[in-house]
Protein backbone atom coordinates (compact mmCIF):
# COMPACT_ATOMS: atom_id res chain seq x y z
CA MET A 1 0.00 0.00 0.00
CA HIS A 2 1.22 3.52 -0.78
CA ASP A 3 2.41 5.69 2.05
CA ILE A 4 -0.03 8.42 3.05
CA ASN A 5 0.51 11.65 4.92
CA ILE A 6 -2.59 13.36 6.27
CA ASN A 7 -2.07 16.98 7.18
CA ILE A 8 -4.37 19.50 8.85
CA GLU A 9 -3.42 23.11 9.41
CA GLY A 10 -5.18 26.00 11.02
CA LEU A 11 -8.06 24.50 12.95
CA SER A 12 -8.86 27.56 15.05
CA LYS A 13 -9.48 27.28 18.77
CA ILE A 14 -10.75 29.66 21.42
CA GLU A 15 -7.22 29.74 22.77
CA GLY A 16 -5.31 29.42 19.51
CA HIS A 17 -4.98 26.96 16.63
CA LEU A 18 -4.57 23.25 16.03
CA ASP A 19 -2.50 21.51 13.37
CA MET A 20 -2.30 17.76 12.88
CA ASP A 21 -0.13 15.35 10.91
CA VAL A 22 -0.86 11.65 10.45
CA PHE A 23 1.92 9.57 8.88
CA ILE A 24 1.07 6.18 7.35
CA LYS A 25 3.73 3.82 6.03
CA ASP A 26 3.11 0.42 4.49
CA GLY A 27 -0.49 0.46 5.68
CA LYS A 28 0.38 1.14 9.32
CA ILE A 29 0.21 4.26 11.44
CA GLU A 30 3.76 5.47 11.85
CA ASP A 31 3.09 8.65 13.82
CA VAL A 32 0.40 11.16 14.79
CA LYS A 33 1.24 14.72 15.79
CA PHE A 34 -1.58 16.62 17.46
CA MET A 35 -0.08 20.10 17.50
CA ILE A 36 -1.61 22.81 19.66
CA MET A 37 -0.32 25.93 17.93
CA GLU A 38 -1.78 28.61 20.18
CA ASN A 39 0.25 31.67 20.99
CA LYS A 40 1.67 31.64 24.48
CA ARG A 41 0.12 34.45 26.53
CA PHE A 42 2.04 33.88 29.77
CA PHE A 43 -0.87 34.37 32.18
CA GLU A 44 1.06 32.60 34.93
CA ASN A 45 3.88 35.11 34.65
CA ALA A 46 1.58 38.09 34.11
CA ILE A 47 -0.08 37.72 37.53
CA ILE A 48 3.20 37.57 39.49
CA GLY A 49 3.42 40.68 41.64
CA LYS A 50 -0.35 41.19 41.66
CA PRO A 51 -2.40 41.23 44.91
CA PHE A 52 -4.61 38.23 45.54
CA LEU A 53 -7.91 40.11 45.15
CA GLN A 54 -7.11 40.81 41.50
CA ILE A 55 -6.13 37.27 40.58
CA PRO A 56 -9.54 35.60 39.96
CA GLN A 57 -10.72 38.27 37.53
CA LEU A 58 -7.37 38.28 35.74
CA LEU A 59 -7.29 34.50 35.35
CA SER A 60 -10.90 34.37 34.19
CA ARG A 61 -9.62 36.10 31.04
CA ILE A 62 -7.75 32.94 30.05
CA CYS A 63 -10.89 31.79 28.27
CA GLY A 64 -14.19 33.44 27.41
CA THR A 65 -16.01 30.15 27.07
CA CYS A 66 -14.80 28.77 30.42
CA SER A 67 -14.22 32.06 32.24
CA VAL A 68 -16.48 31.04 35.15
CA ALA A 69 -14.45 27.87 35.68
CA HIS A 70 -11.14 29.77 35.79
CA LEU A 71 -12.71 32.40 38.06
CA ILE A 72 -13.90 29.86 40.64
CA ALA A 73 -10.71 27.76 40.49
CA ALA A 74 -8.63 30.89 41.10
CA ILE A 75 -10.87 31.99 43.99
CA GLU A 76 -10.50 28.54 45.54
CA ALA A 77 -6.71 28.69 45.16
CA VAL A 78 -6.61 32.12 46.84
CA GLU A 79 -8.81 31.02 49.74
CA HIS A 80 -6.78 27.87 50.32
CA ALA A 81 -3.56 29.91 50.32
CA LEU A 82 -5.08 32.21 52.96
CA ASP A 83 -6.58 29.35 55.03
CA TYR A 84 -10.08 30.74 54.52
CA THR A 85 -13.22 28.60 54.46
CA PRO A 86 -16.17 30.11 52.54
CA SER A 87 -19.67 30.08 53.96
CA GLU A 88 -22.30 27.53 52.99
CA GLN A 89 -24.27 30.23 51.16
CA THR A 90 -21.20 31.20 49.15
CA MET A 91 -20.62 27.60 48.11
CA ILE A 92 -24.26 27.17 47.09
CA LEU A 93 -24.08 30.26 44.88
CA ARG A 94 -20.84 29.05 43.31
CA LYS A 95 -22.56 25.76 42.51
CA LEU A 96 -25.41 27.62 40.80
CA LEU A 97 -22.93 29.75 38.86
CA THR A 98 -21.10 26.61 37.71
CA TYR A 99 -24.35 24.88 36.78
CA GLY A 100 -25.17 27.87 34.58
CA LEU A 101 -21.78 27.48 32.90
CA MET A 102 -22.35 23.76 32.32
CA ILE A 103 -25.82 24.24 30.83
CA ARG A 104 -24.64 26.98 28.47
CA ASP A 105 -21.31 25.44 27.52
CA HIS A 106 -22.54 21.90 27.04
CA ALA A 107 -25.38 23.23 24.88
CA LEU A 108 -22.84 25.11 22.76
CA HIS A 109 -20.83 21.95 22.16
CA LEU A 110 -23.69 19.50 21.79
CA TYR A 111 -25.89 21.51 19.45
CA LEU A 112 -23.53 23.77 17.50
CA PHE A 113 -20.41 21.59 17.27
CA THR A 114 -21.46 17.92 17.28
CA MET A 115 -25.17 17.78 16.45
CA PRO A 116 -24.51 18.55 12.75
CA ASP A 117 -22.34 15.39 12.61
CA VAL A 118 -25.19 13.35 14.05
CA ILE A 119 -27.85 14.83 11.74
CA GLY A 120 -25.56 14.61 8.70
CA LYS A 121 -25.26 18.32 8.00
CA ASP A 122 -22.20 20.51 7.55
CA SER A 123 -23.42 23.11 10.02
CA ILE A 124 -26.31 23.97 12.26
CA LEU A 125 -26.96 26.76 9.74
CA ASP A 126 -28.01 24.02 7.31
CA PHE A 127 -30.72 22.69 9.64
CA ASP A 128 -34.21 22.90 8.17
CA GLU A 129 -36.35 24.87 10.58
CA HIS A 130 -39.46 23.43 8.92
CA ASP A 131 -38.31 19.85 9.55
CA GLU A 132 -39.89 18.63 12.79
CA LYS A 133 -36.71 17.17 14.29
CA GLU A 134 -34.20 19.71 13.02
CA GLY A 135 -36.45 22.66 13.80
CA ARG A 136 -36.96 21.42 17.33
CA LEU A 137 -33.22 20.99 17.89
CA LEU A 138 -32.56 24.53 16.67
CA HIS A 139 -35.03 26.06 19.10
CA ASP A 140 -33.95 23.74 21.93
CA MET A 141 -30.37 24.90 21.53
CA PHE A 142 -31.26 28.57 21.90
CA ASP A 143 -33.57 27.89 24.84
CA LEU A 144 -30.95 25.87 26.74
CA LYS A 145 -28.17 28.36 26.11
CA ARG A 146 -30.42 31.21 27.21
CA ALA A 147 -31.31 29.37 30.44
CA GLY A 148 -27.65 28.69 31.22
CA ASN A 149 -26.69 32.29 30.52
CA LYS A 150 -29.51 33.57 32.73
CA LEU A 151 -28.58 31.30 35.64
CA SER A 152 -24.96 32.48 35.49
CA THR A 153 -26.08 36.09 35.16
CA ILE A 154 -28.40 36.18 38.19
CA THR A 155 -25.77 34.49 40.37
CA GLY A 156 -22.56 35.94 38.92
CA GLY A 157 -23.57 39.21 37.28
CA ARG A 158 -22.63 38.07 33.76
CA ALA A 159 -22.42 34.77 31.94
CA VAL A 160 -18.83 35.58 30.94
CA HIS A 161 -16.26 37.15 33.31
CA ALA A 162 -18.77 37.27 36.18
CA PRO A 163 -18.14 40.30 38.47
CA PHE A 164 -20.08 39.23 41.60
CA PRO A 165 -17.95 36.35 43.00
CA MET A 166 -14.70 37.11 44.81
CA PRO A 167 -12.54 35.63 47.55
CA GLY A 168 -14.69 35.77 50.68
CA GLY A 169 -18.13 35.78 49.09
CA PHE A 170 -20.30 37.67 46.61
CA VAL A 171 -20.75 41.41 46.15
CA LYS A 172 -24.34 41.09 44.92
CA TYR A 173 -27.04 38.43 45.14
CA PRO A 174 -29.99 37.19 43.06
CA THR A 175 -33.39 38.49 44.10
CA GLU A 176 -36.26 36.27 45.16
CA ASP A 177 -38.16 37.12 41.98
CA GLU A 178 -35.13 36.27 39.81
CA MET A 179 -34.81 32.88 41.48
CA LYS A 180 -38.52 32.11 41.03
CA GLU A 181 -38.37 33.07 37.36
CA MET A 182 -35.25 30.95 36.95
CA VAL A 183 -36.98 27.86 38.32
CA VAL A 184 -39.80 28.29 35.78
CA GLU A 185 -37.33 28.65 32.91
CA LEU A 186 -35.26 25.65 33.97
CA LYS A 187 -38.36 23.48 34.24
CA GLY A 188 -39.28 24.61 30.75
CA VAL A 189 -36.02 23.45 29.15
CA ARG A 190 -35.72 20.16 31.02
CA GLU A 191 -37.47 18.06 28.37
CA LYS A 192 -35.32 19.58 25.65
CA ILE A 193 -32.09 18.03 26.89
CA LEU A 194 -33.84 14.67 27.30
CA PHE A 195 -34.70 14.81 23.60
CA ALA A 196 -31.04 15.56 22.79
CA MET A 197 -29.96 12.53 24.83
CA GLU A 198 -32.11 10.29 22.67
CA VAL A 199 -30.55 11.77 19.52
CA PHE A 200 -26.99 11.19 20.74
CA ASP A 201 -27.79 7.76 22.13
CA THR A 202 -29.12 6.48 18.81
CA CYS A 203 -26.21 7.66 16.63
CA ASP A 204 -23.77 4.96 15.59
CA PHE A 205 -20.42 6.70 16.21
CA THR A 206 -18.08 4.54 18.24
CA LEU A 207 -14.42 4.22 19.20
CA LYS A 208 -13.73 2.00 22.16
CA ARG A 209 -10.23 2.13 23.61
CA LYS A 210 -9.12 1.50 27.16
CA THR A 211 -7.48 4.39 28.98
CA LYS A 212 -7.49 5.87 32.47
CA PHE A 213 -10.50 8.10 33.19
CA VAL A 214 -10.02 10.67 35.96
CA GLY A 215 -12.54 13.04 37.53
CA LEU A 216 -13.44 14.88 40.72
CA LYS A 217 -15.57 12.74 43.02
CA THR A 218 -18.16 14.82 44.86
CA GLU A 219 -21.18 14.08 47.02
CA ASP A 220 -23.63 15.92 44.74
CA TYR A 221 -21.92 16.00 41.32
CA SER A 222 -21.52 19.74 41.76
CA PHE A 223 -18.16 20.00 39.92
CA LEU A 224 -16.72 21.74 43.01
CA ASN A 225 -14.98 20.94 46.31
CA GLY A 226 -14.68 17.19 45.98
CA PRO A 227 -12.47 15.43 48.51
CA ALA A 228 -10.52 13.56 45.82
CA LEU A 229 -9.83 12.94 42.17
CA CYS A 230 -10.48 9.34 41.28
CA SER A 231 -10.31 6.92 38.38
CA GLU A 232 -12.78 4.16 37.60
CA GLY A 233 -10.11 1.66 38.64
CA GLY A 234 -10.17 2.74 42.29
CA PHE A 235 -7.24 5.18 42.27
CA CYS A 236 -7.99 8.29 44.36
CA VAL A 237 -5.81 11.21 45.38
CA PRO A 238 -6.74 14.30 47.44
CA GLU A 239 -7.33 17.18 45.06
CA LYS A 240 -4.55 19.29 46.57
CA HIS A 241 -2.08 16.52 45.68
CA PHE A 242 -3.35 16.00 42.14
CA ARG A 243 -0.55 17.95 40.46
CA GLN A 244 2.07 15.79 42.19
CA GLN A 245 0.69 12.75 40.38
CA LEU A 246 1.09 14.37 36.95
CA LYS A 247 4.26 14.33 34.91
CA GLU A 248 4.86 17.02 32.34
CA VAL A 249 5.60 15.76 28.84
CA ILE A 250 7.33 18.23 26.56
CA ILE A 251 5.81 17.81 23.11
CA PRO A 252 8.31 19.48 20.77
CA TYR A 253 5.82 20.03 17.94
CA SER A 254 3.12 21.55 20.21
CA SER A 255 3.14 24.78 22.18
CA ALA A 256 1.18 23.11 25.00
CA LEU A 257 2.61 20.71 27.53
CA GLY A 258 1.19 17.22 27.68
CA TYR A 259 0.67 15.25 30.89
CA THR A 260 0.72 11.65 32.01
CA LEU A 261 -0.68 10.23 35.24
CA HIS A 262 1.74 7.79 36.84
CA GLY A 263 3.41 7.51 33.46
CA GLU A 264 0.18 6.63 31.64
CA GLU A 265 -2.13 8.50 29.31
CA PHE A 266 -5.49 9.55 30.75
CA MET A 267 -8.68 11.38 29.90
CA VAL A 268 -10.60 14.06 31.78
CA GLY A 269 -14.02 15.48 30.95
CA ALA A 270 -17.68 14.50 31.08
CA LEU A 271 -17.04 10.88 30.09
CA ALA A 272 -14.48 10.51 32.87
CA ARG A 273 -16.78 12.18 35.41
CA MET A 274 -19.67 9.88 34.51
CA ASN A 275 -17.40 6.87 34.83
CA VAL A 276 -16.28 7.77 38.36
CA ASN A 277 -19.12 9.83 39.83
CA ARG A 278 -22.44 8.86 38.18
CA ASP A 279 -23.87 7.59 41.50
CA ALA A 280 -23.87 11.20 42.74
CA LEU A 281 -26.24 12.47 40.05
CA HIS A 282 -29.49 14.13 41.15
CA GLU A 283 -32.26 11.67 41.88
CA ASN A 284 -34.55 13.20 39.24
CA THR A 285 -31.78 12.85 36.68
CA LYS A 286 -31.24 9.21 37.65
CA ARG A 287 -34.95 8.54 37.28
CA ASP A 288 -35.55 10.16 33.89
CA ALA A 289 -32.18 9.44 32.27
CA ALA A 290 -31.74 5.90 33.61
CA LYS A 291 -31.62 4.44 30.11
CA TYR A 292 -28.68 6.64 29.18
CA ILE A 293 -26.84 6.47 32.50
CA ALA A 294 -26.81 2.68 32.07
CA ARG A 295 -24.30 3.18 29.22
CA PHE A 296 -21.67 4.05 31.82
CA PRO A 297 -18.96 3.24 32.70
CA SER A 298 -17.89 3.43 29.09
CA ILE A 299 -14.64 3.38 27.15
CA ASP A 300 -16.28 4.84 24.01
CA VAL A 301 -14.98 8.37 23.49
CA TYR A 302 -18.17 9.37 21.64
CA HIS A 303 -20.10 8.79 24.86
CA ASN A 304 -18.50 12.05 26.02
CA ASN A 305 -21.34 13.76 24.15
CA LEU A 306 -24.00 11.69 25.90
CA ALA A 307 -22.27 12.32 29.24
CA GLN A 308 -22.42 16.08 28.65
CA ALA A 309 -26.15 15.84 27.96
CA ILE A 310 -26.68 13.91 31.22
CA GLU A 311 -24.63 16.51 33.10
CA THR A 312 -26.80 19.23 31.62
CA LEU A 313 -29.94 17.56 32.98
CA HIS A 314 -28.29 17.12 36.38
CA SER A 315 -27.30 20.81 36.41
CA ILE A 316 -30.91 21.75 35.67
CA ASP A 317 -32.37 19.40 38.28
CA HIS A 318 -30.03 20.37 41.11
CA SER A 319 -30.44 24.08 40.31
CA ILE A 320 -34.23 23.75 40.47
CA GLU A 321 -33.94 22.09 43.88
CA ILE A 322 -31.52 24.71 45.25
CA LEU A 323 -33.43 27.71 43.92
CA GLY A 324 -36.69 26.39 45.29
CA THR A 325 -35.45 26.51 48.89
CA LEU A 326 -32.61 29.06 48.92
CA LYS A 327 -33.02 32.04 51.28
CA ILE A 328 -30.39 34.67 50.61
CA ASP A 329 -28.66 36.52 53.44
CA PRO A 330 -27.24 39.58 51.61
CA VAL A 331 -24.04 39.81 53.63
CA LYS A 332 -20.95 41.62 52.41
CA PRO A 333 -17.95 39.51 51.39
CA ASP A 334 -15.56 38.70 54.21
CA GLN A 335 -12.39 40.75 54.28
CA ILE A 336 -9.63 38.14 54.25
CA PRO A 337 -6.35 39.34 55.74
CA PRO A 338 -3.28 38.72 53.58
CA LYS A 339 -0.68 36.18 54.61
CA ALA A 340 2.00 34.01 53.08
CA GLY A 341 0.79 30.66 51.84
CA GLU A 342 0.28 28.25 48.99
CA GLY A 343 -3.10 27.23 47.67
CA VAL A 344 -4.58 24.88 45.11
CA GLY A 345 -7.93 25.21 43.36
CA VAL A 346 -9.24 22.12 41.60
CA ILE A 347 -12.66 22.07 39.98
CA GLU A 348 -14.33 20.38 37.04
CA ALA A 349 -14.57 22.72 34.05
CA PRO A 350 -16.88 21.69 31.18
CA ARG A 351 -14.00 19.95 29.40
CA GLY A 352 -12.43 18.33 32.46
CA THR A 353 -10.33 18.84 35.55
CA LEU A 354 -8.92 22.36 35.94
CA TYR A 355 -6.00 23.02 38.29
CA HIS A 356 -4.86 26.40 39.65
CA TYR A 357 -1.89 26.87 42.00
CA LEU A 358 -0.84 30.10 43.73
CA LYS A 359 1.98 31.04 46.09
CA LEU A 360 1.51 34.28 48.04
CA ASP A 361 3.93 36.33 50.15
CA ASP A 362 3.16 38.02 53.50
CA ALA A 363 1.38 40.88 51.73
CA GLY A 364 -0.84 38.49 49.75
CA VAL A 365 1.04 39.19 46.52
CA VAL A 366 1.51 36.37 44.01
CA GLN A 367 5.02 34.96 43.83
CA LYS A 368 4.34 31.88 41.74
CA ALA A 369 1.42 30.47 39.75
CA GLU A 370 0.52 27.48 37.61
CA VAL A 371 -2.57 26.59 35.59
CA VAL A 372 -3.18 23.12 34.12
CA VAL A 373 -6.13 23.01 31.71
CA PRO A 374 -8.14 19.98 30.54
CA THR A 375 -7.15 20.12 26.88
CA ALA A 376 -3.46 19.84 27.78
CA GLN A 377 -4.21 16.80 29.94
CA ASN A 378 -6.14 15.16 27.12
CA GLN A 379 -3.59 15.88 24.41
CA ILE A 380 -1.73 12.55 24.50
CA ASN A 381 -4.96 10.57 24.76
CA ILE A 382 -6.37 12.34 21.69
CA GLU A 383 -3.27 11.43 19.69
CA ASN A 384 -3.59 7.78 20.63
CA ASP A 385 -7.31 7.74 19.82
CA ILE A 386 -6.57 9.16 16.36
CA LYS A 387 -3.97 6.42 15.84
CA ALA A 388 -6.49 3.73 16.80
CA LEU A 389 -9.23 5.25 14.64
CA VAL A 390 -7.17 5.55 11.46
CA GLN A 391 -5.52 2.14 11.90
CA GLU A 392 -8.96 0.58 12.24
CA TYR A 393 -9.93 1.89 8.80
CA LEU A 394 -6.57 0.94 7.29
CA ASP A 395 -6.95 -2.63 8.51
CA LYS A 396 -10.49 -2.83 7.16
CA ASP A 397 -10.19 -1.05 3.80
CA GLY A 398 -6.51 -1.21 2.84
CA GLU A 399 -5.88 0.35 -0.57
CA ASP A 400 -9.61 1.03 -0.94
CA LEU A 401 -9.47 3.49 1.94
CA ASP A 402 -11.98 6.31 1.46
CA GLN A 403 -9.75 9.20 2.42
CA ASP A 404 -12.51 11.81 2.61
CA TYR A 405 -14.52 9.53 4.88
CA VAL A 406 -11.55 8.98 7.22
CA ARG A 407 -10.87 12.71 7.26
CA PHE A 408 -14.42 13.33 8.43
CA GLU A 409 -14.11 10.61 11.08
CA ILE A 410 -10.99 12.32 12.45
CA GLU A 411 -12.92 15.59 12.65
CA LYS A 412 -15.77 13.92 14.56
CA LEU A 413 -13.31 12.31 16.98
CA ILE A 414 -11.63 15.63 17.75
CA ARG A 415 -15.02 17.27 18.29
CA ALA A 416 -16.13 14.49 20.63
CA TYR A 417 -13.46 15.63 23.09
CA ASP A 418 -14.79 19.20 23.00
CA PRO A 419 -11.22 20.53 23.27
CA CYS A 420 -12.21 24.20 23.40
CA MET A 421 -11.99 24.80 19.66
CA SER A 422 -13.78 27.93 18.57
CA CYS A 423 -14.15 26.69 15.01
CA ALA A 424 -15.23 23.09 15.58
CA THR A 425 -18.22 23.67 13.32
CA HIS A 426 -15.87 24.37 10.41
CA PHE A 427 -14.70 21.54 8.25
CA LEU A 428 -11.12 20.89 7.28
CA LYS A 429 -9.67 20.17 3.88
CA LEU A 430 -6.87 17.63 4.31
CA ASN A 431 -4.17 17.15 1.71
CA TRP A 432 -3.49 13.45 1.11
CA GLU A 433 -0.11 12.82 -0.51
CA PHE A 434 1.29 9.47 -1.57
CA ASP A 435 4.76 7.92 -1.79
CA GLY A 436 5.91 9.77 1.29
CA VAL A 437 5.75 13.23 -0.33
CA ARG A 438 4.41 15.86 2.01
CA PRO A 439 2.33 18.71 0.55
CA SER A 440 3.97 22.07 0.09
CA GLY A 441 0.72 23.98 0.49
CA LEU A 442 -1.95 23.41 3.11
CA THR A 443 -5.55 24.46 2.82
CA LEU A 444 -8.49 25.06 5.12
CA ASP A 445 -12.05 24.95 3.89
CA SER A 446 -13.82 27.32 6.31
CA ARG A 447 -17.48 26.60 5.67
């Protein structure tokens, strides 16, 4: 069989760009290079010398899509460094803020990025509003995103870069009327995500490959303040010690570090969380999504989409319960005195485990910082999944390999991870060259 080089360039991301090379020799995968080509912005260095009160808002600017996750992880790191324990009310509001993020962000990925693959369309813009199924999915997407945005806005002040939360509490609180209206809206979108689950559950995408799945284990699947990070195999480590279990892997062709856990590849994200923490889902979610929850634990990467849909329902159900009983005490945030210390914030962002570390001096000024994001942790696992996927088609089709079909399957696999790509709804034009000759020009079809 001829040698084949598959090359992708310029897949845009929220935080930069992605390139990819797949090298095939004699019908076997020789190498895969999953190259994160984002520009380094040096956030960890930029916050050195800044007082702790500024840090959460600064670090939330790492990502517009996941700004709430970075905000809360940074607040947690600050509070741990200062030996401060937030109030129960503060933690409840942070849960609601995070649930708003999950509803909005999962809806963005599920409906705009991956639903077109399932329906067989290039883009959600090609959905037929007059078709019963496609029209419903279009309207469901907007309704769910609006509900998630509204929940984050009433609790955090904005859906992106929320101004209300800070170390020590919140500067403003949702009103009783806002919470009542929010309950009505959440109840109204609940059936919509159940319909999406059925759509994702009946699609025939599959890639089963064993790996280590790691996620925060919490009592209420709240994505926050779990006692430990665990894998489905029984491994657990206190969240403050999580970074010590990771080993940095310098990937010379990528601008992002990779990570291994105890020397092995691993995956974080909704699939991993469902594998290790599904028993903590809300009772109403367990009741109405039992058919789909039964798919887990799973080693099928495409079940990450189904897991996100289940998490969306859980976020809706738990928010309805909280908002129905919450009585707000509009206290001012606690004034936390500065002191020297080190703190770790570990939470579950939409795409997986997010780690923030801060070291403060006596004046509460940052001396050292580190941020480990989910996409970097998943980088090696994605490469190995691409190898398995392409080799599967090579073994089956040989010289009759449908290159366009395999290209599309690679795109779907990358999207299943939801690796924070801003342009995941675009489709890539891959140059396939034979006899070991790499293309001199690379193209991107930005539809």
